[in-house]
């Protein structure tokens, strides 16, 4: 089990990603955090601040590469950042729901 993070510059893209990942049973559910502040060093070495949208979704670790491939195909010109974090502990009822309600591998 992993917590999938997808970070996008575009709110419509973030909503679209959540919709198709949920409908295709690639994630169980998602939390969408709007206006997440990001600080990044620019080419001149100065810090820029900008807003992004972060999706956090529970899924199976074995689905990560499939999800990443789908996003690359669908958003090749505007690919969001994608990574996952392991879920170390989780309530067993929630684990069973995640296994039951996401795509079979």
Protein backbone atom coordinates (compact mmCIF):
# COMPACT_ATOMS: atom_id res chain seq x y z
CA UNK A 1 0.00 0.00 0.00
CA UNK A 2 1.23 3.46 -0.89
CA UNK A 3 0.11 7.03 -0.65
CA UNK A 4 0.32 8.34 -4.20
CA UNK A 5 1.20 12.02 -4.61
CA UNK A 6 0.51 13.81 -7.88
CA UNK A 7 1.41 17.50 -8.04
CA UNK A 8 -0.04 19.62 -10.85
CA UNK A 9 -0.01 23.27 -11.89
CA UNK A 10 -3.53 22.97 -13.25
CA UNK A 11 -6.67 22.47 -11.14
CA UNK A 12 -8.65 21.04 -14.08
CA UNK A 13 -5.88 18.53 -14.76
CA UNK A 14 -5.84 17.49 -11.10
CA UNK A 15 -9.61 16.94 -11.06
CA UNK A 16 -9.45 15.00 -14.33
CA UNK A 17 -6.68 12.77 -12.94
CA UNK A 18 -8.66 12.00 -9.79
CA UNK A 19 -11.78 11.24 -11.83
CA UNK A 20 -10.20 8.76 -14.23
CA UNK A 21 -8.00 7.07 -11.62
CA UNK A 22 -11.03 6.58 -9.37
CA UNK A 23 -13.32 5.39 -12.17
CA UNK A 24 -10.69 2.92 -13.40
CA UNK A 25 -10.23 1.63 -9.82
CA UNK A 26 -6.56 2.60 -9.80
CA UNK A 27 -7.01 4.52 -6.54
CA UNK A 28 -9.49 4.04 -3.72
CA UNK A 29 -10.07 7.71 -2.95
CA UNK A 30 -8.24 11.00 -3.19
CA UNK A 31 -7.66 14.16 -1.21
CA UNK A 32 -7.11 17.27 -3.32
CA UNK A 33 -5.15 20.06 -1.69
CA UNK A 34 -5.53 23.34 -3.54
CA UNK A 35 -3.07 26.23 -3.50
CA UNK A 36 -0.18 24.28 -2.04
CA UNK A 37 2.71 26.73 -1.86
CA UNK A 38 5.90 25.57 -3.55
CA UNK A 39 9.30 27.26 -3.23
CA UNK A 40 11.83 26.51 -5.92
CA UNK A 41 15.15 27.97 -6.98
CA UNK A 42 14.96 29.57 -10.45
CA UNK A 43 17.68 29.78 -13.14
CA UNK A 44 19.08 32.95 -11.52
CA UNK A 45 19.41 31.15 -8.18
CA UNK A 46 16.60 33.13 -6.56
CA UNK A 47 13.62 31.54 -4.84
CA UNK A 48 10.25 31.63 -6.56
CA UNK A 49 6.95 30.87 -4.83
CA UNK A 50 3.96 29.52 -6.73
CA UNK A 51 0.77 27.56 -6.10
CA UNK A 52 0.20 23.98 -7.16
CA UNK A 53 -2.48 21.36 -6.55
CA UNK A 54 -1.55 18.16 -4.71
CA UNK A 55 -3.46 14.91 -5.00
CA UNK A 56 -2.98 12.33 -2.26
CA UNK A 57 -4.52 8.94 -2.96
CA UNK A 58 -4.34 5.46 -1.45
CA UNK A 59 -3.50 2.66 -3.85
CA UNK A 60 -1.56 -0.57 -4.27
CA UNK A 61 2.19 -0.23 -4.76
CA UNK A 62 2.02 -2.55 -7.76
CA UNK A 63 -0.27 -0.08 -9.57
CA UNK A 64 2.22 2.81 -9.38
CA UNK A 65 4.06 2.12 -12.65
CA UNK A 66 0.79 1.62 -14.52
CA UNK A 67 -0.55 4.93 -13.17
CA UNK A 68 2.70 6.73 -14.06
CA UNK A 69 2.57 5.32 -17.61
CA UNK A 70 -1.05 6.43 -18.04
CA UNK A 71 -0.20 9.95 -16.89
CA UNK A 72 2.81 10.11 -19.24
CA UNK A 73 0.63 9.13 -22.20
CA UNK A 74 -2.24 11.44 -21.33
CA UNK A 75 -0.19 14.47 -20.24
CA UNK A 76 3.06 14.19 -22.19
CA UNK A 77 3.27 17.96 -22.75
CA UNK A 78 2.25 18.91 -19.19
CA UNK A 79 3.29 15.97 -17.01
CA UNK A 80 2.55 16.44 -13.31
CA UNK A 81 5.04 15.30 -10.68
CA UNK A 82 4.26 11.83 -9.39
CA UNK A 83 5.75 9.80 -6.55
CA UNK A 84 4.57 7.56 -3.75
CA UNK A 85 5.23 7.01 -0.07
CA UNK A 86 4.84 3.64 1.62
CA UNK A 87 1.97 3.23 4.05
CA UNK A 88 3.64 1.52 6.98
CA UNK A 89 0.58 0.92 9.15
CA UNK A 90 -3.10 0.95 8.29
CA UNK A 91 -6.31 -0.25 9.89
CA UNK A 92 -7.01 -3.80 8.62
CA UNK A 93 -10.57 -2.99 7.61
CA UNK A 94 -9.22 -0.15 5.47
CA UNK A 95 -6.55 -2.44 4.00
CA UNK A 96 -9.23 -4.95 3.02
CA UNK A 97 -11.34 -2.20 1.44
CA UNK A 98 -8.34 -0.96 -0.55
CA UNK A 99 -7.56 -4.46 -1.80
CA UNK A 100 -11.20 -5.15 -2.68
CA UNK A 101 -12.00 -1.80 -4.31
CA UNK A 102 -8.92 -1.29 -6.50
CA UNK A 103 -7.89 -3.02 -9.72
CA UNK A 104 -6.65 -6.58 -9.55
CA UNK A 105 -3.01 -7.06 -10.39
